[in-house]
């Protein structure tokens, strides 16, 4: 399994920035990578809100695996966000 080299909060923030800037989302830029690189830190509060929302697994998620592991991993991602 691959392991990311950036925090989950950064990846979420970059995805949100991409949605705002890219023509593939709500934006108009055909190539939004430079805009995303420049603006993603401004999306960290939204990323944090997403992380705090998903820390509790749904019933279907809990039936698939150990919900304590999911919650611990998301809590770790929230703690990581505070280091950015």
N, C-alpha and C. Protein backbone atom coordinates (compact mmCIF):
# COMPACT_ATOMS: atom_id res chain seq x y z
N UNK A 1 0.84 -1.18 0.00
CA UNK A 1 0.00 0.00 0.00
C UNK A 1 0.88 1.24 0.00
N UNK A 2 0.51 2.19 -0.83
CA UNK A 2 1.25 3.46 -0.86
C UNK A 2 0.95 4.29 0.38
N UNK A 3 1.92 5.07 0.80
CA UNK A 3 1.76 5.99 1.93
C UNK A 3 2.06 7.39 1.42
N UNK A 4 1.19 8.33 1.72
CA UNK A 4 1.34 9.71 1.25
C UNK A 4 2.53 10.39 1.92
N UNK A 5 3.10 11.34 1.21
CA UNK A 5 4.22 12.10 1.74
C UNK A 5 3.80 13.49 2.23
N UNK A 6 2.52 13.78 2.14
CA UNK A 6 1.97 15.04 2.66
C UNK A 6 0.86 14.69 3.64
N UNK A 7 0.51 15.65 4.48
CA UNK A 7 -0.55 15.40 5.45
C UNK A 7 -1.90 15.31 4.75
N UNK A 8 -2.83 14.63 5.41
CA UNK A 8 -4.17 14.52 4.86
C UNK A 8 -4.83 15.90 4.76
N UNK A 9 -4.58 16.76 5.74
CA UNK A 9 -5.15 18.11 5.70
C UNK A 9 -4.66 18.87 4.47
N UNK A 10 -3.38 18.75 4.15
CA UNK A 10 -2.86 19.43 2.96
C UNK A 10 -3.51 18.87 1.70
N UNK A 11 -3.64 17.55 1.62
CA UNK A 11 -4.24 16.97 0.42
C UNK A 11 -5.69 17.39 0.26
N UNK A 12 -6.44 17.47 1.36
CA UNK A 12 -7.82 17.95 1.30
C UNK A 12 -7.85 19.41 0.88
N UNK A 13 -6.99 20.23 1.48
CA UNK A 13 -6.94 21.66 1.14
C UNK A 13 -6.60 21.85 -0.33
N UNK A 14 -5.68 21.06 -0.85
CA UNK A 14 -5.32 21.16 -2.26
C UNK A 14 -6.49 20.75 -3.15
N UNK A 15 -7.22 19.73 -2.75
CA UNK A 15 -8.39 19.31 -3.53
C UNK A 15 -9.45 20.41 -3.55
N UNK A 16 -9.68 21.05 -2.41
CA UNK A 16 -10.65 22.14 -2.34
C UNK A 16 -10.21 23.32 -3.19
N UNK A 17 -8.92 23.66 -3.12
CA UNK A 17 -8.40 24.74 -3.95
C UNK A 17 -8.55 24.40 -5.42
N UNK A 18 -8.29 23.16 -5.77
CA UNK A 18 -8.45 22.72 -7.15
C UNK A 18 -9.87 22.86 -7.64
N UNK A 19 -10.83 22.53 -6.79
CA UNK A 19 -12.23 22.69 -7.16
C UNK A 19 -12.57 24.14 -7.44
N UNK A 20 -12.02 25.04 -6.66
CA UNK A 20 -12.29 26.47 -6.85
C UNK A 20 -11.61 27.05 -8.08
N UNK A 21 -10.42 26.56 -8.40
CA UNK A 21 -9.64 27.17 -9.48
C UNK A 21 -9.76 26.46 -10.83
N UNK A 22 -9.90 25.16 -10.80
CA UNK A 22 -9.84 24.39 -12.04
C UNK A 22 -11.15 24.41 -12.83
N UNK A 23 -11.00 24.43 -14.14
CA UNK A 23 -12.18 24.33 -15.02
C UNK A 23 -12.87 22.99 -14.84
N UNK A 24 -12.17 22.00 -14.29
CA UNK A 24 -12.80 20.71 -13.99
C UNK A 24 -13.71 20.78 -12.77
N UNK A 25 -13.62 21.88 -12.03
CA UNK A 25 -14.47 22.12 -10.87
C UNK A 25 -15.31 23.35 -11.12
N UNK A 26 -15.26 24.29 -10.19
CA UNK A 26 -16.04 25.53 -10.30
C UNK A 26 -15.24 26.68 -10.90
N UNK A 27 -13.96 26.46 -11.16
CA UNK A 27 -13.10 27.53 -11.65
C UNK A 27 -13.06 27.62 -13.17
N UNK A 28 -12.12 28.43 -13.65
CA UNK A 28 -12.01 28.65 -15.09
C UNK A 28 -10.62 28.29 -15.63
N UNK A 29 -9.68 27.96 -14.76
CA UNK A 29 -8.32 27.71 -15.20
C UNK A 29 -8.19 26.30 -15.80
N UNK A 30 -7.62 26.24 -17.00
CA UNK A 30 -7.40 24.94 -17.64
C UNK A 30 -6.30 24.16 -16.93
N UNK A 31 -5.32 24.87 -16.42
CA UNK A 31 -4.24 24.27 -15.65
C UNK A 31 -4.11 25.07 -14.36
N UNK A 32 -4.63 24.51 -13.28
CA UNK A 32 -4.72 25.26 -12.03
C UNK A 32 -3.62 24.93 -11.04
N UNK A 33 -2.64 24.15 -11.43
CA UNK A 33 -1.65 23.70 -10.46
C UNK A 33 -0.91 24.84 -9.77
N UNK A 34 -0.55 25.89 -10.51
CA UNK A 34 0.16 27.02 -9.90
C UNK A 34 -0.74 27.73 -8.89
N UNK A 35 -2.01 27.91 -9.24
CA UNK A 35 -2.96 28.55 -8.32
C UNK A 35 -3.17 27.70 -7.08
N UNK A 36 -3.26 26.40 -7.27
CA UNK A 36 -3.44 25.49 -6.13
C UNK A 36 -2.21 25.56 -5.23
N UNK A 37 -1.02 25.51 -5.82
CA UNK A 37 0.21 25.61 -5.02
C UNK A 37 0.25 26.89 -4.20
N UNK A 38 -0.27 27.96 -4.75
CA UNK A 38 -0.24 29.26 -4.08
C UNK A 38 -1.32 29.42 -3.02
N UNK A 39 -2.49 28.83 -3.24
CA UNK A 39 -3.64 29.14 -2.38
C UNK A 39 -4.07 28.05 -1.41
N UNK A 40 -3.53 26.83 -1.53
CA UNK A 40 -4.04 25.75 -0.70
C UNK A 40 -4.00 26.04 0.81
N UNK A 41 -2.99 26.76 1.34
CA UNK A 41 -3.03 27.01 2.79
C UNK A 41 -4.29 27.75 3.25
N UNK A 42 -4.89 28.52 2.36
CA UNK A 42 -6.12 29.23 2.70
C UNK A 42 -7.33 28.32 2.86
N UNK A 43 -7.17 27.06 2.53
CA UNK A 43 -8.26 26.08 2.64
C UNK A 43 -8.08 25.14 3.83
N UNK A 44 -7.07 25.39 4.66
CA UNK A 44 -6.80 24.48 5.77
C UNK A 44 -7.91 24.47 6.82
N UNK A 45 -8.57 25.59 7.05
CA UNK A 45 -9.68 25.58 8.01
C UNK A 45 -10.82 24.70 7.51
N UNK A 46 -11.08 24.75 6.21
CA UNK A 46 -12.11 23.89 5.63
C UNK A 46 -11.68 22.42 5.72
N UNK A 47 -10.42 22.16 5.45
CA UNK A 47 -9.90 20.79 5.57
C UNK A 47 -10.05 20.28 6.99
N UNK A 48 -9.76 21.13 7.96
CA UNK A 48 -9.91 20.76 9.36
C UNK A 48 -11.36 20.42 9.69
N UNK A 49 -12.29 21.21 9.17
CA UNK A 49 -13.71 20.94 9.40
C UNK A 49 -14.10 19.59 8.81
N UNK A 50 -13.57 19.28 7.64
CA UNK A 50 -13.86 17.98 7.02
C UNK A 50 -13.30 16.86 7.87
N UNK A 51 -12.06 16.99 8.32
CA UNK A 51 -11.46 15.96 9.16
C UNK A 51 -12.28 15.73 10.43
N UNK A 52 -12.71 16.80 11.06
CA UNK A 52 -13.49 16.67 12.29
C UNK A 52 -14.86 16.04 12.02
N UNK A 53 -15.38 16.24 10.82
CA UNK A 53 -16.67 15.65 10.46
C UNK A 53 -16.56 14.16 10.20
N UNK A 54 -15.46 13.71 9.62
CA UNK A 54 -15.35 12.30 9.24
C UNK A 54 -14.73 11.43 10.32
N UNK A 55 -14.43 11.98 11.48
CA UNK A 55 -13.75 11.15 12.48
C UNK A 55 -14.63 10.03 13.02
N UNK A 56 -15.94 10.17 12.91
CA UNK A 56 -16.84 9.09 13.33
C UNK A 56 -17.28 8.31 12.09
N UNK A 57 -16.96 7.02 12.03
CA UNK A 57 -17.33 6.24 10.85
C UNK A 57 -18.84 5.99 10.79
N UNK A 58 -19.33 5.79 9.59
CA UNK A 58 -20.73 5.42 9.42
C UNK A 58 -20.91 3.97 9.87
N UNK A 59 -22.14 3.55 9.99
CA UNK A 59 -22.41 2.17 10.39
C UNK A 59 -21.82 1.18 9.39
N UNK A 60 -21.93 1.49 8.10
CA UNK A 60 -21.38 0.60 7.08
C UNK A 60 -19.86 0.55 7.16
N UNK A 61 -19.22 1.69 7.42
CA UNK A 61 -17.77 1.71 7.58
C UNK A 61 -17.36 0.88 8.79
N UNK A 62 -18.09 1.04 9.89
CA UNK A 62 -17.76 0.32 11.12
C UNK A 62 -17.93 -1.18 10.94
N UNK A 63 -18.89 -1.59 10.12
CA UNK A 63 -19.10 -3.01 9.87
C UNK A 63 -17.98 -3.61 9.02
N UNK A 64 -17.25 -2.76 8.31
CA UNK A 64 -16.18 -3.22 7.43
C UNK A 64 -14.87 -3.42 8.17
N UNK A 65 -14.64 -2.61 9.20
CA UNK A 65 -13.37 -2.69 9.93
C UNK A 65 -13.55 -2.17 11.34
N UNK A 66 -12.45 -2.04 12.03
CA UNK A 66 -12.47 -1.59 13.42
C UNK A 66 -12.66 -0.07 13.47
N UNK A 67 -13.80 0.40 13.97
CA UNK A 67 -14.05 1.84 14.01
C UNK A 67 -13.06 2.60 14.90
N UNK A 68 -12.47 1.91 15.88
CA UNK A 68 -11.49 2.58 16.73
C UNK A 68 -10.23 2.92 15.94
N UNK A 69 -9.86 2.07 15.00
CA UNK A 69 -8.69 2.35 14.17
C UNK A 69 -8.97 3.54 13.27
N UNK A 70 -10.15 3.58 12.66
CA UNK A 70 -10.53 4.72 11.82
C UNK A 70 -10.46 6.01 12.63
N UNK A 71 -11.11 6.01 13.79
CA UNK A 71 -11.15 7.21 14.62
C UNK A 71 -9.74 7.64 15.02
N UNK A 72 -8.89 6.68 15.36
CA UNK A 72 -7.52 7.00 15.75
C UNK A 72 -6.74 7.60 14.58
N UNK A 73 -6.95 7.07 13.39
CA UNK A 73 -6.25 7.58 12.22
C UNK A 73 -6.70 9.01 11.89
N UNK A 74 -8.00 9.26 11.99
CA UNK A 74 -8.50 10.61 11.71
C UNK A 74 -8.02 11.58 12.80
N UNK A 75 -8.01 11.16 14.04
CA UNK A 75 -7.49 12.00 15.12
C UNK A 75 -6.01 12.33 14.86
N UNK A 76 -5.26 11.36 14.35
CA UNK A 76 -3.86 11.62 14.01
C UNK A 76 -3.76 12.65 12.90
N UNK A 77 -4.66 12.57 11.92
CA UNK A 77 -4.67 13.55 10.82
C UNK A 77 -5.01 14.95 11.35
N UNK A 78 -5.91 15.02 12.32
CA UNK A 78 -6.26 16.32 12.92
C UNK A 78 -5.04 16.89 13.66
N UNK A 79 -4.35 16.03 14.40
CA UNK A 79 -3.15 16.48 15.11
C UNK A 79 -2.06 16.91 14.13
N UNK A 80 -1.94 16.19 13.01
CA UNK A 80 -0.96 16.55 11.99
C UNK A 80 -1.25 17.93 11.42
N UNK A 81 -2.52 18.24 11.24
CA UNK A 81 -2.95 19.52 10.66
C UNK A 81 -2.41 20.67 11.50
N UNK A 82 -2.36 20.47 12.79
CA UNK A 82 -1.90 21.52 13.69
C UNK A 82 -0.41 21.80 13.55
N UNK A 83 0.32 20.94 12.83
CA UNK A 83 1.75 21.14 12.63
C UNK A 83 2.05 21.91 11.34
N UNK A 84 1.04 22.17 10.54
CA UNK A 84 1.24 22.86 9.26
C UNK A 84 1.37 24.35 9.49
